[in-house]
Amino acid sequence: MASPVKEEDLLIPTCIHWTCEDVANWIEEIGLPQYRECFRTNLINGRKLILADASHLPHLGVTDFDHIKFIAASVRDLLGLEAPYWNKSISLPARTPMGMFLERKSRTGKKIDELLYSEHLKGK
């Protein structure tokens, strides 16, 4: 029997389930249709989009600095993540629990597919 869905599991952005075509449509919708094929060629689906930050975008073919900043910010907005602050105290956690969960979900495999946010919070 499947375990009941917990409220925190409903907080997961639905975009992590996007196909490569969904991501290509999204990049076009945010006003950058010239990168549609870059994202499709690199097989960027919703899980891989999680990792599309400013350091990874040039490897996909996005080289305009303003576009890199815009796409990285748009991905963070889509995922509900805050911008990284490089000057924050080292006593604070490096990432939010959701950010760490999404990083785990960017991988593939049966165990990761079945991982729920509530389980991640428990440390499973």
PDB file of N, CA and C in Angstrom:
ATOM      1  N   MET A   1       0.850  -1.170   0.000  1.00  0.00           N
ATOM      2  CA  MET A   1       0.000   0.000   0.000  1.00  0.00           C
ATOM      3  C   MET A   1       0.902   1.241   0.000  1.00  0.00           C
ATOM      4  N   ALA A   2       0.569   2.194  -0.834  1.00  0.00           N
ATOM      5  CA  ALA A   2       1.344   3.434  -0.920  1.00  0.00           C
ATOM      6  C   ALA A   2       1.104   4.287   0.312  1.00  0.00           C
ATOM      7  N   SER A   3       2.184   4.958   0.742  1.00  0.00           N
ATOM      8  CA  SER A   3       2.031   5.820   1.914  1.00  0.00           C
ATOM      9  C   SER A   3       1.277   7.087   1.513  1.00  0.00           C
ATOM     10  N   PRO A   4       0.548   7.675   2.457  1.00  0.00           N
ATOM     11  CA  PRO A   4      -0.221   8.874   2.129  1.00  0.00           C
ATOM     12  C   PRO A   4       0.712  10.031   1.767  1.00  0.00           C
ATOM     13  N   VAL A   5       0.233  10.881   0.876  1.00  0.00           N
ATOM     14  CA  VAL A   5       1.016  12.044   0.452  1.00  0.00           C
ATOM     15  C   VAL A   5       0.979  13.075   1.565  1.00  0.00           C
ATOM     16  N   LYS A   6       2.154  13.545   1.934  1.00  0.00           N
ATOM     17  CA  LYS A   6       2.255  14.544   2.991  1.00  0.00           C
ATOM     18  C   LYS A   6       2.272  15.933   2.373  1.00  0.00           C
ATOM     19  N   GLU A   7       1.863  16.904   3.166  1.00  0.00           N
ATOM     20  CA  GLU A   7       1.762  18.278   2.682  1.00  0.00           C
ATOM     21  C   GLU A   7       3.079  18.779   2.096  1.00  0.00           C
ATOM     22  N   GLU A   8       4.200  18.469   2.754  1.00  0.00           N
ATOM     23  CA  GLU A   8       5.481  18.958   2.254  1.00  0.00           C
ATOM     24  C   GLU A   8       5.837  18.363   0.896  1.00  0.00           C
ATOM     25  N   ASP A   9       5.291  17.170   0.584  1.00  0.00           N
ATOM     26  CA  ASP A   9       5.563  16.560  -0.714  1.00  0.00           C
ATOM     27  C   ASP A   9       4.844  17.296  -1.841  1.00  0.00           C
ATOM     28  N   LEU A  10       3.825  18.060  -1.504  1.00  0.00           N
ATOM     29  CA  LEU A  10       3.103  18.837  -2.508  1.00  0.00           C
ATOM     30  C   LEU A  10       3.848  20.117  -2.884  1.00  0.00           C
ATOM     31  N   LEU A  11       4.907  20.436  -2.144  1.00  0.00           N
ATOM     32  CA  LEU A  11       5.700  21.641  -2.410  1.00  0.00           C
ATOM     33  C   LEU A  11       6.697  21.454  -3.550  1.00  0.00           C
ATOM     34  N   ILE A  12       6.870  20.239  -4.018  1.00  0.00           N
ATOM     35  CA  ILE A  12       7.844  19.929  -5.063  1.00  0.00           C
ATOM     36  C   ILE A  12       7.407  20.600  -6.369  1.00  0.00           C
ATOM     37  N   PRO A  13       8.311  21.357  -6.997  1.00  0.00           N
ATOM     38  CA  PRO A  13       7.953  21.987  -8.277  1.00  0.00           C
ATOM     39  C   PRO A  13       7.642  20.922  -9.335  1.00  0.00           C
ATOM     40  N   THR A  14       6.546  21.077 -10.032  1.00  0.00           N
ATOM     41  CA  THR A  14       6.147  20.096 -11.041  1.00  0.00           C
ATOM     42  C   THR A  14       7.100  20.067 -12.232  1.00  0.00           C
ATOM     43  N   CYS A  15       7.891  21.115 -12.393  1.00  0.00           N
ATOM     44  CA  CYS A  15       8.794  21.172 -13.545  1.00  0.00           C
ATOM     45  C   CYS A  15       9.853  20.071 -13.504  1.00  0.00           C
ATOM     46  N   ILE A  16      10.086  19.438 -12.361  1.00  0.00           N
ATOM     47  CA  ILE A  16      11.088  18.362 -12.343  1.00  0.00           C
ATOM     48  C   ILE A  16      10.616  17.156 -13.151  1.00  0.00           C
ATOM     49  N   HIS A  17       9.353  17.126 -13.499  1.00  0.00           N
ATOM     50  CA  HIS A  17       8.795  16.029 -14.302  1.00  0.00           C
ATOM     51  C   HIS A  17       8.709  16.384 -15.784  1.00  0.00           C
ATOM     52  N   TRP A  18       9.204  17.556 -16.169  1.00  0.00           N
ATOM     53  CA  TRP A  18       9.126  17.988 -17.562  1.00  0.00           C
ATOM     54  C   TRP A  18       9.981  17.114 -18.469  1.00  0.00           C
ATOM     55  N   THR A  19       9.509  16.984 -19.701  1.00  0.00           N
ATOM     56  CA  THR A  19      10.283  16.320 -20.745  1.00  0.00           C
ATOM     57  C   THR A  19      11.234  17.344 -21.375  1.00  0.00           C
ATOM     58  N   CYS A  20      12.098  16.866 -22.244  1.00  0.00           N
ATOM     59  CA  CYS A  20      13.004  17.773 -22.970  1.00  0.00           C
ATOM     60  C   CYS A  20      12.201  18.794 -23.785  1.00  0.00           C
ATOM     61  N   GLU A  21      11.094  18.343 -24.349  1.00  0.00           N
ATOM     62  CA  GLU A  21      10.255  19.248 -25.139  1.00  0.00           C
ATOM     63  C   GLU A  21       9.598  20.307 -24.257  1.00  0.00           C
ATOM     64  N   ASP A  22       9.190  19.937 -23.057  1.00  0.00           N
ATOM     65  CA  ASP A  22       8.610  20.903 -22.111  1.00  0.00           C
ATOM     66  C   ASP A  22       9.634  21.981 -21.758  1.00  0.00           C
ATOM     67  N   VAL A  23      10.876  21.565 -21.524  1.00  0.00           N
ATOM     68  CA  VAL A  23      11.934  22.528 -21.189  1.00  0.00           C
ATOM     69  C   VAL A  23      12.202  23.431 -22.379  1.00  0.00           C
ATOM     70  N   ALA A  24      12.239  22.860 -23.584  1.00  0.00           N
ATOM     71  CA  ALA A  24      12.455  23.668 -24.792  1.00  0.00           C
ATOM     72  C   ALA A  24      11.328  24.691 -24.955  1.00  0.00           C
ATOM     73  N   ASN A  25      10.101  24.275 -24.684  1.00  0.00           N
ATOM     74  CA  ASN A  25       8.972  25.214 -24.752  1.00  0.00           C
ATOM     75  C   ASN A  25       9.121  26.315 -23.712  1.00  0.00           C
ATOM     76  N   TRP A  26       9.556  25.953 -22.513  1.00  0.00           N
ATOM     77  CA  TRP A  26       9.735  26.935 -21.439  1.00  0.00           C
ATOM     78  C   TRP A  26      10.795  27.969 -21.804  1.00  0.00           C
ATOM     79  N   ILE A  27      11.931  27.523 -22.337  1.00  0.00           N
ATOM     80  CA  ILE A  27      13.000  28.467 -22.686  1.00  0.00           C
ATOM     81  C   ILE A  27      12.504  29.440 -23.754  1.00  0.00           C
ATOM     82  N   GLU A  28      11.647  28.962 -24.629  1.00  0.00           N
ATOM     83  CA  GLU A  28      11.052  29.839 -25.641  1.00  0.00           C
ATOM     84  C   GLU A  28      10.054  30.805 -24.992  1.00  0.00           C
ATOM     85  N   GLU A  29       9.262  30.318 -24.055  1.00  0.00           N
ATOM     86  CA  GLU A  29       8.260  31.142 -23.373  1.00  0.00           C
ATOM     87  C   GLU A  29       8.887  32.266 -22.553  1.00  0.00           C
ATOM     88  N   ILE A  30      10.092  32.051 -22.028  1.00  0.00           N
ATOM     89  CA  ILE A  30      10.721  33.119 -21.239  1.00  0.00           C
ATOM     90  C   ILE A  30      11.431  34.132 -22.145  1.00  0.00           C
ATOM     91  N   GLY A  31      11.284  33.957 -23.453  1.00  0.00           N
ATOM     92  CA  GLY A  31      11.785  34.957 -24.392  1.00  0.00           C
ATOM     93  C   GLY A  31      13.149  34.683 -24.994  1.00  0.00           C
ATOM     94  N   LEU A  32      13.612  33.437 -24.905  1.00  0.00           N
ATOM     95  CA  LEU A  32      14.927  33.102 -25.464  1.00  0.00           C
ATOM     96  C   LEU A  32      14.824  31.899 -26.408  1.00  0.00           C
ATOM     97  N   PRO A  33      14.035  32.048 -27.482  1.00  0.00           N
ATOM     98  CA  PRO A  33      13.825  30.920 -28.397  1.00  0.00           C
ATOM     99  C   PRO A  33      15.098  30.457 -29.104  1.00  0.00           C
ATOM    100  N   GLN A  34      16.113  31.301 -29.144  1.00  0.00           N
ATOM    101  CA  GLN A  34      17.361  30.914 -29.812  1.00  0.00           C
ATOM    102  C   GLN A  34      18.076  29.772 -29.077  1.00  0.00           C
ATOM    103  N   TYR A  35      17.696  29.504 -27.832  1.00  0.00           N
ATOM    104  CA  TYR A  35      18.323  28.435 -27.064  1.00  0.00           C
ATOM    105  C   TYR A  35      17.480  27.159 -27.019  1.00  0.00           C
ATOM    106  N   ARG A  36      16.349  27.191 -27.677  1.00  0.00           N
ATOM    107  CA  ARG A  36      15.458  26.030 -27.699  1.00  0.00           C
ATOM    108  C   ARG A  36      16.211  24.773 -28.144  1.00  0.00           C
ATOM    109  N   GLU A  37      16.911  24.879 -29.248  1.00  0.00           N
ATOM    110  CA  GLU A  37      17.621  23.716 -29.790  1.00  0.00           C
ATOM    111  C   GLU A  37      18.806  23.303 -28.900  1.00  0.00           C
ATOM    112  N   CYS A  38      19.460  24.286 -28.263  1.00  0.00           N
ATOM    113  CA  CYS A  38      20.557  23.964 -27.324  1.00  0.00           C
ATOM    114  C   CYS A  38      20.052  23.046 -26.213  1.00  0.00           C
ATOM    115  N   PHE A  39      18.916  23.372 -25.662  1.00  0.00           N
ATOM    116  CA  PHE A  39      18.370  22.591 -24.561  1.00  0.00           C
ATOM    117  C   PHE A  39      17.888  21.226 -25.053  1.00  0.00           C
ATOM    118  N   ARG A  40      17.312  21.185 -26.256  1.00  0.00           N
ATOM    119  CA  ARG A  40      16.851  19.900 -26.807  1.00  0.00           C
ATOM    120  C   ARG A  40      18.028  19.011 -27.169  1.00  0.00           C
ATOM    121  N   THR A  41      19.044  19.567 -27.822  1.00  0.00           N
ATOM    122  CA  THR A  41      20.217  18.793 -28.223  1.00  0.00           C
ATOM    123  C   THR A  41      20.939  18.208 -27.022  1.00  0.00           C
ATOM    124  N   ASN A  42      20.978  18.952 -25.932  1.00  0.00           N
ATOM    125  CA  ASN A  42      21.646  18.492 -24.717  1.00  0.00           C
ATOM    126  C   ASN A  42      20.733  17.657 -23.817  1.00  0.00           C
ATOM    127  N   LEU A  43      19.534  17.355 -24.330  1.00  0.00           N
ATOM    128  CA  LEU A  43      18.575  16.493 -23.621  1.00  0.00           C
ATOM    129  C   LEU A  43      18.279  16.986 -22.208  1.00  0.00           C
ATOM    130  N   ILE A  44      18.039  18.299 -22.095  1.00  0.00           N
ATOM    131  CA  ILE A  44      17.735  18.885 -20.789  1.00  0.00           C
ATOM    132  C   ILE A  44      16.254  18.694 -20.489  1.00  0.00           C
ATOM    133  N   ASN A  45      15.999  17.794 -19.553  1.00  0.00           N
ATOM    134  CA  ASN A  45      14.622  17.597 -19.090  1.00  0.00           C
ATOM    135  C   ASN A  45      14.474  18.316 -17.754  1.00  0.00           C
ATOM    136  N   GLY A  46      13.361  18.125 -17.089  1.00  0.00           N
ATOM    137  CA  GLY A  46      13.121  18.821 -15.830  1.00  0.00           C
ATOM    138  C   GLY A  46      14.147  18.524 -14.757  1.00  0.00           C
ATOM    139  N   ARG A  47      14.578  17.287 -14.681  1.00  0.00           N
ATOM    140  CA  ARG A  47      15.589  16.928 -13.682  1.00  0.00           C
ATOM    141  C   ARG A  47      16.935  17.570 -13.986  1.00  0.00           C
ATOM    142  N   LYS A  48      17.311  17.581 -15.238  1.00  0.00           N
ATOM    143  CA  LYS A  48      18.591  18.197 -15.601  1.00  0.00           C
ATOM    144  C   LYS A  48      18.517  19.718 -15.501  1.00  0.00           C
ATOM    145  N   LEU A  49      17.328  20.276 -15.673  1.00  0.00           N
ATOM    146  CA  LEU A  49      17.150  21.723 -15.557  1.00  0.00           C
ATOM    147  C   LEU A  49      17.512  22.202 -14.157  1.00  0.00           C
ATOM    148  N   ILE A  50      17.324  21.348 -13.160  1.00  0.00           N
ATOM    149  CA  ILE A  50      17.684  21.675 -11.785  1.00  0.00           C
ATOM    150  C   ILE A  50      19.139  22.119 -11.697  1.00  0.00           C
ATOM    151  N   LEU A  51      19.993  21.504 -12.489  1.00  0.00           N
ATOM    152  CA  LEU A  51      21.427  21.777 -12.447  1.00  0.00           C
ATOM    153  C   LEU A  51      21.862  22.895 -13.394  1.00  0.00           C
ATOM    154  N   ALA A  52      20.923  23.470 -14.122  1.00  0.00           N
ATOM    155  CA  ALA A  52      21.262  24.509 -15.104  1.00  0.00           C
ATOM    156  C   ALA A  52      21.481  25.848 -14.408  1.00  0.00           C
ATOM    157  N   ASP A  53      22.672  26.003 -13.854  1.00  0.00           N
ATOM    158  CA  ASP A  53      23.015  27.266 -13.222  1.00  0.00           C
ATOM    159  C   ASP A  53      24.045  27.996 -14.088  1.00  0.00           C
ATOM    160  N   ALA A  54      24.511  29.135 -13.620  1.00  0.00           N
ATOM    161  CA  ALA A  54      25.400  29.979 -14.417  1.00  0.00           C
ATOM    162  C   ALA A  54      26.689  29.268 -14.807  1.00  0.00           C
ATOM    163  N   SER A  55      27.144  28.316 -14.011  1.00  0.00           N
ATOM    164  CA  SER A  55      28.388  27.621 -14.359  1.00  0.00           C
ATOM    165  C   SER A  55      28.170  26.518 -15.401  1.00  0.00           C
ATOM    166  N   HIS A  56      26.950  26.002 -15.512  1.00  0.00           N
ATOM    167  CA  HIS A  56      26.674  24.931 -16.469  1.00  0.00           C
ATOM    168  C   HIS A  56      26.159  25.428 -17.814  1.00  0.00           C
ATOM    169  N   LEU A  57      25.513  26.573 -17.840  1.00  0.00           N
ATOM    170  CA  LEU A  57      24.891  27.052 -19.074  1.00  0.00           C
ATOM    171  C   LEU A  57      25.863  27.235 -20.232  1.00  0.00           C
ATOM    172  N   PRO A  58      27.078  27.740 -20.023  1.00  0.00           N
ATOM    173  CA  PRO A  58      28.000  27.853 -21.165  1.00  0.00           C
ATOM    174  C   PRO A  58      28.303  26.501 -21.819  1.00  0.00           C
ATOM    175  N   HIS A  59      28.291  25.422 -21.044  1.00  0.00           N
ATOM    176  CA  HIS A  59      28.528  24.089 -21.607  1.00  0.00           C
ATOM    177  C   HIS A  59      27.375  23.644 -22.495  1.00  0.00           C
ATOM    178  N   LEU A  60      26.205  24.245 -22.300  1.00  0.00           N
ATOM    179  CA  LEU A  60      25.049  23.923 -23.128  1.00  0.00           C
ATOM    180  C   LEU A  60      25.005  24.754 -24.397  1.00  0.00           C
ATOM    181  N   GLY A  61      25.818  25.810 -24.453  1.00  0.00           N
ATOM    182  CA  GLY A  61      25.831  26.682 -25.626  1.00  0.00           C
ATOM    183  C   GLY A  61      25.308  28.076 -25.357  1.00  0.00           C
ATOM    184  N   VAL A  62      24.987  28.392 -24.110  1.00  0.00           N
ATOM    185  CA  VAL A  62      24.529  29.735 -23.739  1.00  0.00           C
ATOM    186  C   VAL A  62      25.771  30.519 -23.318  1.00  0.00           C
ATOM    187  N   THR A  63      26.175  31.481 -24.142  1.00  0.00           N
ATOM    188  CA  THR A  63      27.427  32.189 -23.860  1.00  0.00           C
ATOM    189  C   THR A  63      27.241  33.679 -23.573  1.00  0.00           C
ATOM    190  N   ASP A  64      26.081  34.221 -23.874  1.00  0.00           N
ATOM    191  CA  ASP A  64      25.822  35.631 -23.579  1.00  0.00           C
ATOM    192  C   ASP A  64      25.620  35.774 -22.071  1.00  0.00           C
ATOM    193  N   PHE A  65      26.452  36.611 -21.433  1.00  0.00           N
ATOM    194  CA  PHE A  65      26.432  36.719 -19.965  1.00  0.00           C
ATOM    195  C   PHE A  65      25.065  37.151 -19.426  1.00  0.00           C
ATOM    196  N   ASP A  66      24.416  38.109 -20.086  1.00  0.00           N
ATOM    197  CA  ASP A  66      23.088  38.544 -19.628  1.00  0.00           C
ATOM    198  C   ASP A  66      22.071  37.409 -19.747  1.00  0.00           C
ATOM    199  N   HIS A  67      22.185  36.612 -20.798  1.00  0.00           N
ATOM    200  CA  HIS A  67      21.271  35.473 -20.964  1.00  0.00           C
ATOM    201  C   HIS A  67      21.549  34.409 -19.903  1.00  0.00           C
ATOM    202  N   ILE A  68      22.824  34.187 -19.594  1.00  0.00           N
ATOM    203  CA  ILE A  68      23.185  33.227 -18.547  1.00  0.00           C
ATOM    204  C   ILE A  68      22.558  33.644 -17.222  1.00  0.00           C
ATOM    205  N   LYS A  69      22.708  34.924 -16.863  1.00  0.00           N
ATOM    206  CA  LYS A  69      22.133  35.417 -15.608  1.00  0.00           C
ATOM    207  C   LYS A  69      20.616  35.274 -15.610  1.00  0.00           C
ATOM    208  N   PHE A  70      19.994  35.616 -16.733  1.00  0.00           N
ATOM    209  CA  PHE A  70      18.536  35.567 -16.826  1.00  0.00           C
ATOM    210  C   PHE A  70      18.016  34.131 -16.734  1.00  0.00           C
ATOM    211  N   ILE A  71      18.633  33.214 -17.458  1.00  0.00           N
ATOM    212  CA  ILE A  71      18.186  31.819 -17.425  1.00  0.00           C
ATOM    213  C   ILE A  71      18.409  31.225 -16.036  1.00  0.00           C
ATOM    214  N   ALA A  72      19.567  31.472 -15.445  1.00  0.00           N
ATOM    215  CA  ALA A  72      19.849  30.938 -14.109  1.00  0.00           C
ATOM    216  C   ALA A  72      18.826  31.466 -13.098  1.00  0.00           C
ATOM    217  N   ALA A  73      18.508  32.753 -13.167  1.00  0.00           N
ATOM    218  CA  ALA A  73      17.508  33.334 -12.267  1.00  0.00           C
ATOM    219  C   ALA A  73      16.127  32.743 -12.548  1.00  0.00           C
ATOM    220  N   SER A  74      15.808  32.529 -13.812  1.00  0.00           N
ATOM    221  CA  SER A  74      14.507  31.958 -14.175  1.00  0.00           C
ATOM    222  C   SER A  74      14.374  30.524 -13.678  1.00  0.00           C
ATOM    223  N   VAL A  75      15.460  29.754 -13.747  1.00  0.00           N
ATOM    224  CA  VAL A  75      15.440  28.381 -13.226  1.00  0.00           C
ATOM    225  C   VAL A  75      15.230  28.412 -11.717  1.00  0.00           C
ATOM    226  N   ARG A  76      15.937  29.295 -11.025  1.00  0.00           N
ATOM    227  CA  ARG A  76      15.754  29.404  -9.565  1.00  0.00           C
ATOM    228  C   ARG A  76      14.317  29.787  -9.227  1.00  0.00           C
ATOM    229  N   ASP A  77      13.747  30.736  -9.976  1.00  0.00           N
ATOM    230  CA  ASP A  77      12.354  31.133  -9.743  1.00  0.00           C
ATOM    231  C   ASP A  77      11.411  29.958  -9.972  1.00  0.00           C
ATOM    232  N   LEU A  78      11.651  29.233 -11.046  1.00  0.00           N
ATOM    233  CA  LEU A  78      10.818  28.087 -11.399  1.00  0.00           C
ATOM    234  C   LEU A  78      10.845  27.035 -10.290  1.00  0.00           C
ATOM    235  N   LEU A  79      12.018  26.850  -9.708  1.00  0.00           N
ATOM    236  CA  LEU A  79      12.191  25.844  -8.661  1.00  0.00           C
ATOM    237  C   LEU A  79      11.888  26.379  -7.264  1.00  0.00           C
ATOM    238  N   GLY A  80      11.690  27.684  -7.164  1.00  0.00           N
ATOM    239  CA  GLY A  80      11.418  28.283  -5.860  1.00  0.00           C
ATOM    240  C   GLY A  80      12.645  28.344  -4.975  1.00  0.00           C
ATOM    241  N   LEU A  81      13.815  28.494  -5.575  1.00  0.00           N
ATOM    242  CA  LEU A  81      15.063  28.560  -4.821  1.00  0.00           C
ATOM    243  C   LEU A  81      15.551  29.992  -4.741  1.00  0.00           C
ATOM    244  N   GLU A  82      16.251  30.305  -3.663  1.00  0.00           N
ATOM    245  CA  GLU A  82      16.796  31.650  -3.520  1.00  0.00           C
ATOM    246  C   GLU A  82      18.137  31.745  -4.236  1.00  0.00           C
ATOM    247  N   ALA A  83      18.504  32.955  -4.579  1.00  0.00           N
ATOM    248  CA  ALA A  83      19.795  33.186  -5.224  1.00  0.00           C
ATOM    249  C   ALA A  83      20.911  32.881  -4.240  1.00  0.00           C
ATOM    250  N   PRO A  84      22.010  32.324  -4.729  1.00  0.00           N
ATOM    251  CA  PRO A  84      23.124  32.050  -3.812  1.00  0.00           C
ATOM    252  C   PRO A  84      23.768  33.347  -3.337  1.00  0.00           C
ATOM    253  N   TYR A  85      24.077  33.393  -2.068  1.00  0.00           N
ATOM    254  CA  TYR A  85      24.765  34.553  -1.498  1.00  0.00           C
ATOM    255  C   TYR A  85      26.162  34.102  -1.099  1.00  0.00           C
ATOM    256  N   TRP A  86      27.136  34.647  -1.751  1.00  0.00           N
ATOM    257  CA  TRP A  86      28.511  34.200  -1.552  1.00  0.00           C
ATOM    258  C   TRP A  86      29.128  34.808  -0.292  1.00  0.00           C
ATOM    259  N   ASN A  87      28.471  35.789   0.291  1.00  0.00           N
ATOM    260  CA  ASN A  87      29.037  36.431   1.469  1.00  0.00           C
ATOM    261  C   ASN A  87      28.295  36.068   2.758  1.00  0.00           C
ATOM    262  N   LYS A  88      27.515  34.989   2.744  1.00  0.00           N
ATOM    263  CA  LYS A  88      26.789  34.629   3.957  1.00  0.00           C
ATOM    264  C   LYS A  88      27.700  33.880   4.921  1.00  0.00           C
ATOM    265  N   SER A  89      27.308  33.849   6.157  1.00  0.00           N
ATOM    266  CA  SER A  89      28.088  33.237   7.218  1.00  0.00           C
ATOM    267  C   SER A  89      28.273  31.738   6.983  1.00  0.00           C
ATOM    268  N   ILE A  90      29.452  31.232   7.285  1.00  0.00           N
ATOM    269  CA  ILE A  90      29.699  29.797   7.131  1.00  0.00           C
ATOM    270  C   ILE A  90      28.973  28.982   8.194  1.00  0.00           C
ATOM    271  N   SER A  91      28.422  29.652   9.191  1.00  0.00           N
ATOM    272  CA  SER A  91      27.669  28.933  10.220  1.00  0.00           C
ATOM    273  C   SER A  91      26.259  28.573   9.742  1.00  0.00           C
ATOM    274  N   LEU A  92      25.828  29.160   8.624  1.00  0.00           N
ATOM    275  CA  LEU A  92      24.502  28.867   8.079  1.00  0.00           C
ATOM    276  C   LEU A  92      24.593  27.660   7.146  1.00  0.00           C
ATOM    277  N   PRO A  93      23.498  26.911   7.008  1.00  0.00           N
ATOM    278  CA  PRO A  93      23.515  25.785   6.071  1.00  0.00           C
ATOM    279  C   PRO A  93      23.839  26.267   4.655  1.00  0.00           C
ATOM    280  N   ALA A  94      24.557  25.430   3.909  1.00  0.00           N
ATOM    281  CA  ALA A  94      24.983  25.804   2.555  1.00  0.00           C
ATOM    282  C   ALA A  94      23.803  25.984   1.613  1.00  0.00           C
ATOM    283  N   ARG A  95      22.778  25.133   1.743  1.00  0.00           N
ATOM    284  CA  ARG A  95      21.619  25.197   0.851  1.00  0.00           C
ATOM    285  C   ARG A  95      20.359  24.944   1.666  1.00  0.00           C
ATOM    286  N   THR A  96      19.250  25.282   1.074  1.00  0.00           N
ATOM    287  CA  THR A  96      17.970  25.012   1.723  1.00  0.00           C
ATOM    288  C   THR A  96      17.658  23.519   1.617  1.00  0.00           C
ATOM    289  N   PRO A  97      16.800  23.008   2.491  1.00  0.00           N
ATOM    290  CA  PRO A  97      16.409  21.594   2.359  1.00  0.00           C
ATOM    291  C   PRO A  97      15.816  21.288   0.981  1.00  0.00           C
ATOM    292  N   MET A  98      15.010  22.207   0.429  1.00  0.00           N
ATOM    293  CA  MET A  98      14.436  21.979  -0.896  1.00  0.00           C
ATOM    294  C   MET A  98      15.535  21.946  -1.950  1.00  0.00           C
ATOM    295  N   GLY A  99      16.499  22.837  -1.846  1.00  0.00           N
ATOM    296  CA  GLY A  99      17.604  22.850  -2.805  1.00  0.00           C
ATOM    297  C   GLY A  99      18.385  21.548  -2.778  1.00  0.00           C
ATOM    298  N   MET A 100      18.643  21.036  -1.587  1.00  0.00           N
ATOM    299  CA  MET A 100      19.369  19.763  -1.471  1.00  0.00           C
ATOM    300  C   MET A 100      18.524  18.600  -1.998  1.00  0.00           C
ATOM    301  N   PHE A 101      17.204  18.652  -1.757  1.00  0.00           N
ATOM    302  CA  PHE A 101      16.314  17.616  -2.277  1.00  0.00           C
ATOM    303  C   PHE A 101      16.310  17.637  -3.802  1.00  0.00           C
ATOM    304  N   LEU A 102      16.172  18.822  -4.383  1.00  0.00           N
ATOM    305  CA  LEU A 102      16.138  18.915  -5.834  1.00  0.00           C
ATOM    306  C   LEU A 102      17.454  18.459  -6.452  1.00  0.00           C
ATOM    307  N   GLU A 103      18.557  18.740  -5.776  1.00  0.00           N
ATOM    308  CA  GLU A 103      19.846  18.261  -6.264  1.00  0.00           C
ATOM    309  C   GLU A 103      19.861  16.724  -6.297  1.00  0.00           C
ATOM    310  N   ARG A 104      19.317  16.100  -5.271  1.00  0.00           N
ATOM    311  CA  ARG A 104      19.224  14.632  -5.259  1.00  0.00           C
ATOM    312  C   ARG A 104      18.314  14.137  -6.377  1.00  0.00           C
ATOM    313  N   LYS A 105      17.187  14.824  -6.594  1.00  0.00           N
ATOM    314  CA  LYS A 105      16.215  14.407  -7.603  1.00  0.00           C
ATOM    315  C   LYS A 105      16.726  14.619  -9.032  1.00  0.00           C
ATOM    316  N   SER A 106      17.812  15.362  -9.196  1.00  0.00           N
ATOM    317  CA  SER A 106      18.359  15.569 -10.540  1.00  0.00           C
ATOM    318  C   SER A 106      18.983  14.284 -11.074  1.00  0.00           C
ATOM    319  N   ARG A 107      19.247  13.343 -10.189  1.00  0.00           N
ATOM    320  CA  ARG A 107      19.801  12.052 -10.601  1.00  0.00           C
ATOM    321  C   ARG A 107      18.674  11.139 -11.066  1.00  0.00           C
ATOM    322  N   THR A 108      19.031   9.979 -11.547  1.00  0.00           N
ATOM    323  CA  THR A 108      18.027   9.021 -12.001  1.00  0.00           C
ATOM    324  C   THR A 108      18.177   7.711 -11.245  1.00  0.00           C
ATOM    325  N   GLY A 109      17.183   6.888 -11.376  1.00  0.00           N
ATOM    326  CA  GLY A 109      17.189   5.579 -10.737  1.00  0.00           C
ATOM    327  C   GLY A 109      15.915   5.358  -9.948  1.00  0.00           C
ATOM    328  N   LYS A 110      15.597   4.106  -9.727  1.00  0.00           N
ATOM    329  CA  LYS A 110      14.349   3.753  -9.050  1.00  0.00           C
ATOM    330  C   LYS A 110      14.260   4.361  -7.656  1.00  0.00           C
ATOM    331  N   LYS A 111      15.358   4.274  -6.890  1.00  0.00           N
ATOM    332  CA  LYS A 111      15.348   4.798  -5.519  1.00  0.00           C
ATOM    333  C   LYS A 111      15.105   6.310  -5.516  1.00  0.00           C
ATOM    334  N   ILE A 112      15.761   7.024  -6.422  1.00  0.00           N
ATOM    335  CA  ILE A 112      15.577   8.482  -6.513  1.00  0.00           C
ATOM    336  C   ILE A 112      14.178   8.807  -7.018  1.00  0.00           C
ATOM    337  N   ASP A 113      13.680   8.035  -7.988  1.00  0.00           N
ATOM    338  CA  ASP A 113      12.322   8.264  -8.498  1.00  0.00           C
ATOM    339  C   ASP A 113      11.288   8.187  -7.385  1.00  0.00           C
ATOM    340  N   GLU A 114      11.498   7.274  -6.455  1.00  0.00           N
ATOM    341  CA  GLU A 114      10.535   7.055  -5.379  1.00  0.00           C
ATOM    342  C   GLU A 114      10.746   7.962  -4.172  1.00  0.00           C
ATOM    343  N   LEU A 115      11.872   8.665  -4.123  1.00  0.00           N
ATOM    344  CA  LEU A 115      12.180   9.511  -2.976  1.00  0.00           C
ATOM    345  C   LEU A 115      11.181  10.667  -2.857  1.00  0.00           C
ATOM    346  N   LEU A 116      10.588  10.800  -1.707  1.00  0.00           N
ATOM    347  CA  LEU A 116       9.662  11.889  -1.418  1.00  0.00           C
ATOM    348  C   LEU A 116      10.377  12.956  -0.592  1.00  0.00           C
ATOM    349  N   TYR A 117       9.903  14.167  -0.691  1.00  0.00           N
ATOM    350  CA  TYR A 117      10.503  15.267   0.065  1.00  0.00           C
ATOM    351  C   TYR A 117      10.440  14.996   1.567  1.00  0.00           C
ATOM    352  N   SER A 118       9.325  14.442   2.021  1.00  0.00           N
ATOM    353  CA  SER A 118       9.173  14.149   3.447  1.00  0.00           C
ATOM    354  C   SER A 118      10.221  13.133   3.903  1.00  0.00           C
ATOM    355  N   GLU A 119      10.565  12.164   3.043  1.00  0.00           N
ATOM    356  CA  GLU A 119      11.617  11.192   3.379  1.00  0.00           C
ATOM    357  C   GLU A 119      12.981  11.868   3.404  1.00  0.00           C
ATOM    358  N   HIS A 120      13.203  12.766   2.463  1.00  0.00           N
ATOM    359  CA  HIS A 120      14.457  13.507   2.417  1.00  0.00           C
ATOM    360  C   HIS A 120      14.645  14.308   3.713  1.00  0.00           C
ATOM    361  N   LEU A 121      13.568  14.934   4.180  1.00  0.00           N
ATOM    362  CA  LEU A 121      13.647  15.715   5.409  1.00  0.00           C
ATOM    363  C   LEU A 121      13.987  14.852   6.622  1.00  0.00           C
ATOM    364  N   LYS A 122      13.574  13.581   6.572  1.00  0.00           N
ATOM    365  CA  LYS A 122      13.876  12.659   7.671  1.00  0.00           C
ATOM    366  C   LYS A 122      15.298  12.111   7.574  1.00  0.00           C
ATOM    367  N   GLY A 123      15.972  12.390   6.455  1.00  0.00           N
ATOM    368  CA  GLY A 123      17.332  11.919   6.288  1.00  0.00           C
ATOM    369  C   GLY A 123      17.463  10.560   5.630  1.00  0.00           C
ATOM    370  N   LYS A 124      16.448  10.129   4.923  1.00  0.00           N
ATOM    371  CA  LYS A 124      16.505   8.825   4.254  1.00  0.00           C
ATOM    372  C   LYS A 124      17.243   8.924   2.942  1.00  0.00           C
TER     373      LYS A 124
END
